[in-house]
Amino acid sequence: MNPLRLLRAPSPAVRPRRLAYPVPWSVDRTTAPHYRIVNTGRETLRGVTVSIAGESRLRVSIPATVPPGGSVRASVTGPHPSRDTVLVVRWFPPDGREYLWQISL
């Protein structure tokens, strides 16, 4: 038996772990079905969009850039948004990565 056949390929190098990216948003639900999505982070977020998945309809005033403390307003209309609708917020922090965050109503 060939002893080299028993050797395994070396394991790939261990990559350093990155800390989880904290979601820089909070949702003000006090005036539902009109929601205020607030940038609670320290960075200006670019390319911000809000989309909807479900049976309801969405009206949104979106600035392309949201500074810290800034917000986006979204109004949801439909028969049962809390049962069948999810908002999806998409943004790019300064490092250029794309992030998505799902908001259940």
PDB file of N, CA and C in Angstrom:
ATOM      1  N   MET A   1       0.840  -1.172   0.000  1.00  0.00           N
ATOM      2  CA  MET A   1       0.000   0.000   0.000  1.00  0.00           C
ATOM      3  C   MET A   1       0.888   1.239   0.000  1.00  0.00           C
ATOM      4  N   ASN A   2       0.498   2.234  -0.781  1.00  0.00           N
ATOM      5  CA  ASN A   2       1.258   3.473  -0.901  1.00  0.00           C
ATOM      6  C   ASN A   2       0.943   4.371   0.304  1.00  0.00           C
ATOM      7  N   PRO A   3       1.947   4.735   1.143  1.00  0.00           N
ATOM      8  CA  PRO A   3       1.691   5.535   2.339  1.00  0.00           C
ATOM      9  C   PRO A   3       1.215   6.948   1.997  1.00  0.00           C
ATOM     10  N   LEU A   4       1.488   7.439   0.801  1.00  0.00           N
ATOM     11  CA  LEU A   4       1.051   8.784   0.449  1.00  0.00           C
ATOM     12  C   LEU A   4      -0.459   8.859   0.235  1.00  0.00           C
ATOM     13  N   ARG A   5      -1.084   7.749  -0.039  1.00  0.00           N
ATOM     14  CA  ARG A   5      -2.526   7.742  -0.243  1.00  0.00           C
ATOM     15  C   ARG A   5      -3.275   8.054   1.050  1.00  0.00           C
ATOM     16  N   LEU A   6      -2.678   7.887   2.187  1.00  0.00           N
ATOM     17  CA  LEU A   6      -3.337   8.109   3.462  1.00  0.00           C
ATOM     18  C   LEU A   6      -3.258   9.570   3.910  1.00  0.00           C
ATOM     19  N   LEU A   7      -2.480  10.371   3.231  1.00  0.00           N
ATOM     20  CA  LEU A   7      -2.335  11.768   3.622  1.00  0.00           C
ATOM     21  C   LEU A   7      -3.517  12.594   3.131  1.00  0.00           C
ATOM     22  N   ARG A   8      -3.943  13.542   3.956  1.00  0.00           N
ATOM     23  CA  ARG A   8      -5.009  14.462   3.568  1.00  0.00           C
ATOM     24  C   ARG A   8      -4.405  15.758   3.077  1.00  0.00           C
ATOM     25  N   ALA A   9      -5.168  16.454   2.277  1.00  0.00           N
ATOM     26  CA  ALA A   9      -4.746  17.794   1.857  1.00  0.00           C
ATOM     27  C   ALA A   9      -4.776  18.704   3.075  1.00  0.00           C
ATOM     28  N   PRO A  10      -3.869  19.663   3.151  1.00  0.00           N
ATOM     29  CA  PRO A  10      -3.881  20.550   4.310  1.00  0.00           C
ATOM     30  C   PRO A  10      -5.185  21.347   4.374  1.00  0.00           C
ATOM     31  N   SER A  11      -5.631  21.614   5.596  1.00  0.00           N
ATOM     32  CA  SER A  11      -6.845  22.414   5.791  1.00  0.00           C
ATOM     33  C   SER A  11      -6.571  23.844   5.363  1.00  0.00           C
ATOM     34  N   PRO A  12      -7.583  24.535   4.848  1.00  0.00           N
ATOM     35  CA  PRO A  12      -7.369  25.925   4.479  1.00  0.00           C
ATOM     36  C   PRO A  12      -7.053  26.758   5.728  1.00  0.00           C
ATOM     37  N   ALA A  13      -6.347  27.831   5.515  1.00  0.00           N
ATOM     38  CA  ALA A  13      -5.990  28.694   6.635  1.00  0.00           C
ATOM     39  C   ALA A  13      -7.256  29.253   7.283  1.00  0.00           C
ATOM     40  N   VAL A  14      -7.228  29.377   8.574  1.00  0.00           N
ATOM     41  CA  VAL A  14      -8.372  29.911   9.300  1.00  0.00           C
ATOM     42  C   VAL A  14      -8.437  31.411   9.060  1.00  0.00           C
ATOM     43  N   ARG A  15      -9.611  31.870   8.600  1.00  0.00           N
ATOM     44  CA  ARG A  15      -9.779  33.299   8.372  1.00  0.00           C
ATOM     45  C   ARG A  15     -10.155  33.975   9.681  1.00  0.00           C
ATOM     46  N   PRO A  16      -9.663  35.175   9.899  1.00  0.00           N
ATOM     47  CA  PRO A  16     -10.037  35.865  11.136  1.00  0.00           C
ATOM     48  C   PRO A  16     -11.537  36.170  11.126  1.00  0.00           C
ATOM     49  N   ARG A  17     -12.152  36.041  12.283  1.00  0.00           N
ATOM     50  CA  ARG A  17     -13.582  36.310  12.384  1.00  0.00           C
ATOM     51  C   ARG A  17     -13.840  37.801  12.417  1.00  0.00           C
ATOM     52  N   ARG A  18     -14.927  38.191  11.744  1.00  0.00           N
ATOM     53  CA  ARG A  18     -15.378  39.577  11.813  1.00  0.00           C
ATOM     54  C   ARG A  18     -16.520  39.638  12.797  1.00  0.00           C
ATOM     55  N   LEU A  19     -16.599  40.713  13.508  1.00  0.00           N
ATOM     56  CA  LEU A  19     -17.734  40.895  14.396  1.00  0.00           C
ATOM     57  C   LEU A  19     -18.977  41.127  13.554  1.00  0.00           C
ATOM     58  N   ALA A  20     -20.119  40.767  14.075  1.00  0.00           N
ATOM     59  CA  ALA A  20     -21.376  40.982  13.365  1.00  0.00           C
ATOM     60  C   ALA A  20     -21.605  42.481  13.183  1.00  0.00           C
ATOM     61  N   TYR A  21     -22.183  42.829  12.065  1.00  0.00           N
ATOM     62  CA  TYR A  21     -22.500  44.223  11.773  1.00  0.00           C
ATOM     63  C   TYR A  21     -23.833  44.544  12.447  1.00  0.00           C
ATOM     64  N   PRO A  22     -23.858  45.478  13.388  1.00  0.00           N
ATOM     65  CA  PRO A  22     -25.125  45.798  14.055  1.00  0.00           C
ATOM     66  C   PRO A  22     -26.061  46.556  13.115  1.00  0.00           C
ATOM     67  N   VAL A  23     -27.315  46.183  13.110  1.00  0.00           N
ATOM     68  CA  VAL A  23     -28.303  46.850  12.265  1.00  0.00           C
ATOM     69  C   VAL A  23     -28.454  48.288  12.760  1.00  0.00           C
ATOM     70  N   PRO A  24     -28.224  49.277  11.875  1.00  0.00           N
ATOM     71  CA  PRO A  24     -28.249  50.669  12.316  1.00  0.00           C
ATOM     72  C   PRO A  24     -29.628  51.326  12.230  1.00  0.00           C
ATOM     73  N   TRP A  25     -30.678  50.537  12.301  1.00  0.00           N
ATOM     74  CA  TRP A  25     -32.033  51.065  12.145  1.00  0.00           C
ATOM     75  C   TRP A  25     -32.881  50.753  13.359  1.00  0.00           C
ATOM     76  N   SER A  26     -33.848  51.625  13.624  1.00  0.00           N
ATOM     77  CA  SER A  26     -34.928  51.330  14.566  1.00  0.00           C
ATOM     78  C   SER A  26     -36.219  51.789  13.904  1.00  0.00           C
ATOM     79  N   VAL A  27     -37.329  51.226  14.344  1.00  0.00           N
ATOM     80  CA  VAL A  27     -38.619  51.543  13.730  1.00  0.00           C
ATOM     81  C   VAL A  27     -39.521  52.198  14.769  1.00  0.00           C
ATOM     82  N   ASP A  28     -40.015  53.374  14.433  1.00  0.00           N
ATOM     83  CA  ASP A  28     -40.997  54.063  15.266  1.00  0.00           C
ATOM     84  C   ASP A  28     -42.371  53.645  14.748  1.00  0.00           C
ATOM     85  N   ARG A  29     -43.107  52.883  15.555  1.00  0.00           N
ATOM     86  CA  ARG A  29     -44.400  52.337  15.165  1.00  0.00           C
ATOM     87  C   ARG A  29     -45.568  53.100  15.800  1.00  0.00           C
ATOM     88  N   THR A  30     -45.299  54.220  16.459  1.00  0.00           N
ATOM     89  CA  THR A  30     -46.335  54.923  17.214  1.00  0.00           C
ATOM     90  C   THR A  30     -47.457  55.452  16.336  1.00  0.00           C
ATOM     91  N   THR A  31     -47.204  55.687  15.064  1.00  0.00           N
ATOM     92  CA  THR A  31     -48.244  56.209  14.170  1.00  0.00           C
ATOM     93  C   THR A  31     -48.602  55.201  13.078  1.00  0.00           C
ATOM     94  N   ALA A  32     -48.473  53.898  13.389  1.00  0.00           N
ATOM     95  CA  ALA A  32     -48.795  52.846  12.414  1.00  0.00           C
ATOM     96  C   ALA A  32     -50.198  53.074  11.870  1.00  0.00           C
ATOM     97  N   PRO A  33     -50.388  52.904  10.586  1.00  0.00           N
ATOM     98  CA  PRO A  33     -49.572  52.235   9.573  1.00  0.00           C
ATOM     99  C   PRO A  33     -48.548  53.142   8.892  1.00  0.00           C
ATOM    100  N   HIS A  34     -48.242  54.276   9.504  1.00  0.00           N
ATOM    101  CA  HIS A  34     -47.190  55.160   9.005  1.00  0.00           C
ATOM    102  C   HIS A  34     -45.962  54.947   9.883  1.00  0.00           C
ATOM    103  N   TYR A  35     -44.908  54.419   9.307  1.00  0.00           N
ATOM    104  CA  TYR A  35     -43.723  54.030  10.063  1.00  0.00           C
ATOM    105  C   TYR A  35     -42.578  54.993   9.776  1.00  0.00           C
ATOM    106  N   ARG A  36     -41.773  55.232  10.785  1.00  0.00           N
ATOM    107  CA  ARG A  36     -40.569  56.052  10.648  1.00  0.00           C
ATOM    108  C   ARG A  36     -39.384  55.138  10.926  1.00  0.00           C
ATOM    109  N   ILE A  37     -38.523  54.959   9.938  1.00  0.00           N
ATOM    110  CA  ILE A  37     -37.358  54.084  10.048  1.00  0.00           C
ATOM    111  C   ILE A  37     -36.151  54.988  10.252  1.00  0.00           C
ATOM    112  N   VAL A  38     -35.550  54.930  11.439  1.00  0.00           N
ATOM    113  CA  VAL A  38     -34.530  55.886  11.866  1.00  0.00           C
ATOM    114  C   VAL A  38     -33.139  55.262  11.827  1.00  0.00           C
ATOM    115  N   ASN A  39     -32.171  55.999  11.266  1.00  0.00           N
ATOM    116  CA  ASN A  39     -30.770  55.576  11.273  1.00  0.00           C
ATOM    117  C   ASN A  39     -30.208  55.875  12.667  1.00  0.00           C
ATOM    118  N   THR A  40     -30.058  54.833  13.481  1.00  0.00           N
ATOM    119  CA  THR A  40     -29.534  54.984  14.837  1.00  0.00           C
ATOM    120  C   THR A  40     -28.030  54.713  14.908  1.00  0.00           C
ATOM    121  N   GLY A  41     -27.415  54.484  13.754  1.00  0.00           N
ATOM    122  CA  GLY A  41     -25.986  54.202  13.713  1.00  0.00           C
ATOM    123  C   GLY A  41     -25.148  55.465  13.694  1.00  0.00           C
ATOM    124  N   ARG A  42     -23.854  55.287  13.557  1.00  0.00           N
ATOM    125  CA  ARG A  42     -22.896  56.400  13.541  1.00  0.00           C
ATOM    126  C   ARG A  42     -22.470  56.803  12.137  1.00  0.00           C
ATOM    127  N   GLU A  43     -22.925  56.040  11.135  1.00  0.00           N
ATOM    128  CA  GLU A  43     -22.471  56.266   9.762  1.00  0.00           C
ATOM    129  C   GLU A  43     -23.605  56.762   8.880  1.00  0.00           C
ATOM    130  N   THR A  44     -23.246  57.527   7.862  1.00  0.00           N
ATOM    131  CA  THR A  44     -24.206  57.916   6.839  1.00  0.00           C
ATOM    132  C   THR A  44     -24.417  56.712   5.926  1.00  0.00           C
ATOM    133  N   LEU A  45     -25.668  56.371   5.677  1.00  0.00           N
ATOM    134  CA  LEU A  45     -26.001  55.211   4.857  1.00  0.00           C
ATOM    135  C   LEU A  45     -26.478  55.679   3.496  1.00  0.00           C
ATOM    136  N   ARG A  46     -25.995  55.035   2.450  1.00  0.00           N
ATOM    137  CA  ARG A  46     -26.290  55.457   1.078  1.00  0.00           C
ATOM    138  C   ARG A  46     -27.110  54.395   0.354  1.00  0.00           C
ATOM    139  N   GLY A  47     -27.757  54.818  -0.721  1.00  0.00           N
ATOM    140  CA  GLY A  47     -28.536  53.886  -1.536  1.00  0.00           C
ATOM    141  C   GLY A  47     -29.674  53.244  -0.766  1.00  0.00           C
ATOM    142  N   VAL A  48     -30.251  53.968   0.169  1.00  0.00           N
ATOM    143  CA  VAL A  48     -31.305  53.407   1.016  1.00  0.00           C
ATOM    144  C   VAL A  48     -32.595  53.261   0.210  1.00  0.00           C
ATOM    145  N   THR A  49     -33.168  52.069   0.250  1.00  0.00           N
ATOM    146  CA  THR A  49     -34.470  51.817  -0.369  1.00  0.00           C
ATOM    147  C   THR A  49     -35.313  50.996   0.593  1.00  0.00           C
ATOM    148  N   VAL A  50     -36.617  51.110   0.456  1.00  0.00           N
ATOM    149  CA  VAL A  50     -37.553  50.286   1.215  1.00  0.00           C
ATOM    150  C   VAL A  50     -38.476  49.630   0.206  1.00  0.00           C
ATOM    151  N   SER A  51     -38.638  48.325   0.317  1.00  0.00           N
ATOM    152  CA  SER A  51     -39.552  47.606  -0.563  1.00  0.00           C
ATOM    153  C   SER A  51     -40.491  46.773   0.302  1.00  0.00           C
ATOM    154  N   ILE A  52     -41.476  46.195  -0.329  1.00  0.00           N
ATOM    155  CA  ILE A  52     -42.500  45.462   0.416  1.00  0.00           C
ATOM    156  C   ILE A  52     -42.679  44.076  -0.170  1.00  0.00           C
ATOM    157  N   ALA A  53     -42.924  43.118   0.702  1.00  0.00           N
ATOM    158  CA  ALA A  53     -43.268  41.760   0.283  1.00  0.00           C
ATOM    159  C   ALA A  53     -44.584  41.421   0.971  1.00  0.00           C
ATOM    160  N   GLY A  54     -45.591  41.094   0.187  1.00  0.00           N
ATOM    161  CA  GLY A  54     -46.884  40.760   0.758  1.00  0.00           C
ATOM    162  C   GLY A  54     -48.013  41.386  -0.030  1.00  0.00           C
ATOM    163  N   GLU A  55     -49.190  41.357   0.545  1.00  0.00           N
ATOM    164  CA  GLU A  55     -50.394  41.802  -0.137  1.00  0.00           C
ATOM    165  C   GLU A  55     -50.657  43.298  -0.005  1.00  0.00           C
ATOM    166  N   SER A  56     -49.983  43.987   0.882  1.00  0.00           N
ATOM    167  CA  SER A  56     -50.230  45.410   1.110  1.00  0.00           C
ATOM    168  C   SER A  56     -49.513  46.270   0.082  1.00  0.00           C
ATOM    169  N   ARG A  57     -49.822  47.565   0.133  1.00  0.00           N
ATOM    170  CA  ARG A  57     -49.146  48.525  -0.740  1.00  0.00           C
ATOM    171  C   ARG A  57     -48.301  49.459   0.110  1.00  0.00           C
ATOM    172  N   LEU A  58     -47.272  50.023  -0.524  1.00  0.00           N
ATOM    173  CA  LEU A  58     -46.294  50.846   0.184  1.00  0.00           C
ATOM    174  C   LEU A  58     -46.174  52.208  -0.472  1.00  0.00           C
ATOM    175  N   ARG A  59     -46.194  53.240   0.347  1.00  0.00           N
ATOM    176  CA  ARG A  59     -45.824  54.597  -0.080  1.00  0.00           C
ATOM    177  C   ARG A  59     -44.651  54.988   0.788  1.00  0.00           C
ATOM    178  N   VAL A  60     -43.600  55.458   0.146  1.00  0.00           N
ATOM    179  CA  VAL A  60     -42.391  55.750   0.914  1.00  0.00           C
ATOM    180  C   VAL A  60     -41.742  57.023   0.393  1.00  0.00           C
ATOM    181  N   SER A  61     -41.193  57.804   1.312  1.00  0.00           N
ATOM    182  CA  SER A  61     -40.393  58.964   0.921  1.00  0.00           C
ATOM    183  C   SER A  61     -38.954  58.603   1.238  1.00  0.00           C
ATOM    184  N   ILE A  62     -38.213  58.315   0.218  1.00  0.00           N
ATOM    185  CA  ILE A  62     -36.858  57.802   0.407  1.00  0.00           C
ATOM    186  C   ILE A  62     -35.819  58.821  -0.001  1.00  0.00           C
ATOM    187  N   PRO A  63     -35.020  59.257   0.937  1.00  0.00           N
ATOM    188  CA  PRO A  63     -33.811  59.957   0.522  1.00  0.00           C
ATOM    189  C   PRO A  63     -32.773  58.895   0.152  1.00  0.00           C
ATOM    190  N   ALA A  64     -31.954  59.149  -0.819  1.00  0.00           N
ATOM    191  CA  ALA A  64     -30.925  58.181  -1.216  1.00  0.00           C
ATOM    192  C   ALA A  64     -29.864  58.031  -0.142  1.00  0.00           C
ATOM    193  N   THR A  65     -29.674  59.063   0.673  1.00  0.00           N
ATOM    194  CA  THR A  65     -28.672  59.066   1.730  1.00  0.00           C
ATOM    195  C   THR A  65     -29.347  59.428   3.045  1.00  0.00           C
ATOM    196  N   VAL A  66     -29.065  58.650   4.107  1.00  0.00           N
ATOM    197  CA  VAL A  66     -29.661  58.917   5.414  1.00  0.00           C
ATOM    198  C   VAL A  66     -28.527  59.097   6.421  1.00  0.00           C
ATOM    199  N   PRO A  67     -28.356  60.320   6.945  1.00  0.00           N
ATOM    200  CA  PRO A  67     -27.299  60.562   7.930  1.00  0.00           C
ATOM    201  C   PRO A  67     -27.706  59.999   9.296  1.00  0.00           C
ATOM    202  N   PRO A  68     -26.768  59.903  10.235  1.00  0.00           N
ATOM    203  CA  PRO A  68     -27.125  59.459  11.585  1.00  0.00           C
ATOM    204  C   PRO A  68     -28.234  60.349  12.147  1.00  0.00           C
ATOM    205  N   GLY A  69     -29.257  59.731  12.693  1.00  0.00           N
ATOM    206  CA  GLY A  69     -30.401  60.464  13.218  1.00  0.00           C
ATOM    207  C   GLY A  69     -31.463  60.764  12.183  1.00  0.00           C
ATOM    208  N   GLY A  70     -31.136  60.591  10.902  1.00  0.00           N
ATOM    209  CA  GLY A  70     -32.096  60.819   9.828  1.00  0.00           C
ATOM    210  C   GLY A  70     -33.078  59.666   9.734  1.00  0.00           C
ATOM    211  N   SER A  71     -34.126  59.864   8.958  1.00  0.00           N
ATOM    212  CA  SER A  71     -35.134  58.814   8.878  1.00  0.00           C
ATOM    213  C   SER A  71     -35.765  58.732   7.500  1.00  0.00           C
ATOM    214  N   VAL A  72     -36.476  57.644   7.299  1.00  0.00           N
ATOM    215  CA  VAL A  72     -37.256  57.373   6.107  1.00  0.00           C
ATOM    216  C   VAL A  72     -38.674  57.097   6.595  1.00  0.00           C
ATOM    217  N   ARG A  73     -39.660  57.628   5.889  1.00  0.00           N
ATOM    218  CA  ARG A  73     -41.056  57.393   6.267  1.00  0.00           C
ATOM    219  C   ARG A  73     -41.687  56.431   5.269  1.00  0.00           C
ATOM    220  N   ALA A  74     -42.430  55.468   5.797  1.00  0.00           N
ATOM    221  CA  ALA A  74     -43.105  54.479   4.957  1.00  0.00           C
ATOM    222  C   ALA A  74     -44.531  54.308   5.447  1.00  0.00           C
ATOM    223  N   SER A  75     -45.484  54.346   4.516  1.00  0.00           N
ATOM    224  CA  SER A  75     -46.898  54.123   4.839  1.00  0.00           C
ATOM    225  C   SER A  75     -47.342  52.842   4.159  1.00  0.00           C
ATOM    226  N   VAL A  76     -47.978  51.982   4.926  1.00  0.00           N
ATOM    227  CA  VAL A  76     -48.425  50.683   4.423  1.00  0.00           C
ATOM    228  C   VAL A  76     -49.945  50.645   4.473  1.00  0.00           C
ATOM    229  N   THR A  77     -50.576  50.259   3.359  1.00  0.00           N
ATOM    230  CA  THR A  77     -52.028  50.112   3.315  1.00  0.00           C
ATOM    231  C   THR A  77     -52.377  48.726   2.807  1.00  0.00           C
ATOM    232  N   GLY A  78     -53.366  48.133   3.425  1.00  0.00           N
ATOM    233  CA  GLY A  78     -53.817  46.810   3.033  1.00  0.00           C
ATOM    234  C   GLY A  78     -54.756  46.270   4.081  1.00  0.00           C
ATOM    235  N   PRO A  79     -55.464  45.195   3.763  1.00  0.00           N
ATOM    236  CA  PRO A  79     -56.450  44.666   4.703  1.00  0.00           C
ATOM    237  C   PRO A  79     -55.848  44.101   5.993  1.00  0.00           C
ATOM    238  N   HIS A  80     -54.722  43.392   5.906  1.00  0.00           N
ATOM    239  CA  HIS A  80     -54.114  42.768   7.092  1.00  0.00           C
ATOM    240  C   HIS A  80     -52.588  42.817   7.012  1.00  0.00           C
ATOM    241  N   PRO A  81     -51.980  44.000   7.066  1.00  0.00           N
ATOM    242  CA  PRO A  81     -50.526  44.052   6.910  1.00  0.00           C
ATOM    243  C   PRO A  81     -49.755  43.284   7.986  1.00  0.00           C
ATOM    244  N   SER A  82     -50.296  43.197   9.182  1.00  0.00           N
ATOM    245  CA  SER A  82     -49.570  42.486  10.232  1.00  0.00           C
ATOM    246  C   SER A  82     -49.525  40.981   9.985  1.00  0.00           C
ATOM    247  N   ARG A  83     -50.399  40.475   9.134  1.00  0.00           N
ATOM    248  CA  ARG A  83     -50.428  39.040   8.843  1.00  0.00           C
ATOM    249  C   ARG A  83     -49.638  38.646   7.615  1.00  0.00           C
ATOM    250  N   ASP A  84     -49.572  39.551   6.622  1.00  0.00           N
ATOM    251  CA  ASP A  84     -49.035  39.100   5.337  1.00  0.00           C
ATOM    252  C   ASP A  84     -48.028  40.054   4.702  1.00  0.00           C
ATOM    253  N   THR A  85     -47.471  40.985   5.471  1.00  0.00           N
ATOM    254  CA  THR A  85     -46.593  41.980   4.854  1.00  0.00           C
ATOM    255  C   THR A  85     -45.286  42.129   5.628  1.00  0.00           C
ATOM    256  N   VAL A  86     -44.214  42.295   4.879  1.00  0.00           N
ATOM    257  CA  VAL A  86     -42.883  42.524   5.441  1.00  0.00           C
ATOM    258  C   VAL A  86     -42.241  43.668   4.667  1.00  0.00           C
ATOM    259  N   LEU A  87     -41.631  44.601   5.387  1.00  0.00           N
ATOM    260  CA  LEU A  87     -40.835  45.649   4.738  1.00  0.00           C
ATOM    261  C   LEU A  87     -39.396  45.184   4.677  1.00  0.00           C
ATOM    262  N   VAL A  88     -38.702  45.536   3.608  1.00  0.00           N
ATOM    263  CA  VAL A  88     -37.282  45.207   3.469  1.00  0.00           C
ATOM    264  C   VAL A  88     -36.521  46.501   3.224  1.00  0.00           C
ATOM    265  N   VAL A  89     -35.580  46.800   4.118  1.00  0.00           N
ATOM    266  CA  VAL A  89     -34.735  47.989   3.981  1.00  0.00           C
ATOM    267  C   VAL A  89     -33.393  47.539   3.419  1.00  0.00           C
ATOM    268  N   ARG A  90     -32.919  48.240   2.401  1.00  0.00           N
ATOM    269  CA  ARG A  90     -31.626  47.934   1.759  1.00  0.00           C
ATOM    270  C   ARG A  90     -30.757  49.178   1.863  1.00  0.00           C
ATOM    271  N   TRP A  91     -29.465  49.003   2.185  1.00  0.00           N
ATOM    272  CA  TRP A  91     -28.559  50.150   2.295  1.00  0.00           C
ATOM    273  C   TRP A  91     -27.117  49.725   2.112  1.00  0.00           C
ATOM    274  N   PHE A  92     -26.276  50.752   1.922  1.00  0.00           N
ATOM    275  CA  PHE A  92     -24.832  50.568   1.773  1.00  0.00           C
ATOM    276  C   PHE A  92     -24.125  51.469   2.782  1.00  0.00           C
ATOM    277  N   PRO A  93     -23.388  50.895   3.747  1.00  0.00           N
ATOM    278  CA  PRO A  93     -22.583  51.721   4.638  1.00  0.00           C
ATOM    279  C   PRO A  93     -21.337  52.202   3.891  1.00  0.00           C
ATOM    280  N   PRO A  94     -20.481  53.009   4.525  1.00  0.00           N
ATOM    281  CA  PRO A  94     -19.306  53.546   3.831  1.00  0.00           C
ATOM    282  C   PRO A  94     -18.370  52.490   3.230  1.00  0.00           C
ATOM    283  N   ASP A  95     -18.337  51.261   3.777  1.00  0.00           N
ATOM    284  CA  ASP A  95     -17.426  50.251   3.214  1.00  0.00           C
ATOM    285  C   ASP A  95     -17.936  49.662   1.899  1.00  0.00           C
ATOM    286  N   GLY A  96     -19.166  50.031   1.470  1.00  0.00           N
ATOM    287  CA  GLY A  96     -19.682  49.607   0.173  1.00  0.00           C
ATOM    288  C   GLY A  96     -20.406  48.279   0.152  1.00  0.00           C
ATOM    289  N   ARG A  97     -20.440  47.571   1.268  1.00  0.00           N
ATOM    290  CA  ARG A  97     -21.169  46.301   1.291  1.00  0.00           C
ATOM    291  C   ARG A  97     -22.668  46.563   1.260  1.00  0.00           C
ATOM    292  N   GLU A  98     -23.414  45.613   0.760  1.00  0.00           N
ATOM    293  CA  GLU A  98     -24.869  45.734   0.691  1.00  0.00           C
ATOM    294  C   GLU A  98     -25.493  44.985   1.864  1.00  0.00           C
ATOM    295  N   TYR A  99     -26.467  45.620   2.508  1.00  0.00           N
ATOM    296  CA  TYR A  99     -27.169  44.989   3.620  1.00  0.00           C
ATOM    297  C   TYR A  99     -28.672  45.073   3.395  1.00  0.00           C
ATOM    298  N   LEU A 100     -29.383  44.058   3.904  1.00  0.00           N
ATOM    299  CA  LEU A 100     -30.838  44.021   3.869  1.00  0.00           C
ATOM    300  C   LEU A 100     -31.328  43.743   5.277  1.00  0.00           C
ATOM    301  N   TRP A 101     -32.436  44.380   5.644  1.00  0.00           N
ATOM    302  CA  TRP A 101     -33.042  44.158   6.949  1.00  0.00           C
ATOM    303  C   TRP A 101     -34.541  44.035   6.770  1.00  0.00           C
ATOM    304  N   GLN A 102     -35.103  43.016   7.345  1.00  0.00           N
ATOM    305  CA  GLN A 102     -36.525  42.719   7.218  1.00  0.00           C
ATOM    306  C   GLN A 102     -37.286  43.220   8.440  1.00  0.00           C
ATOM    307  N   ILE A 103     -38.399  43.904   8.209  1.00  0.00           N
ATOM    308  CA  ILE A 103     -39.230  44.431   9.299  1.00  0.00           C
ATOM    309  C   ILE A 103     -40.601  43.774   9.215  1.00  0.00           C
ATOM    310  N   SER A 104     -40.958  43.025  10.233  1.00  0.00           N
ATOM    311  CA  SER A 104     -42.301  42.444  10.300  1.00  0.00           C
ATOM    312  C   SER A 104     -43.240  43.486  10.878  1.00  0.00           C
ATOM    313  N   LEU A 105     -44.399  43.599  10.285  1.00  0.00           N
ATOM    314  CA  LEU A 105     -45.366  44.563  10.770  1.00  0.00           C
ATOM    315  C   LEU A 105     -46.254  43.909  11.792  1.00  0.00           C
TER     316      LEU A 105
END
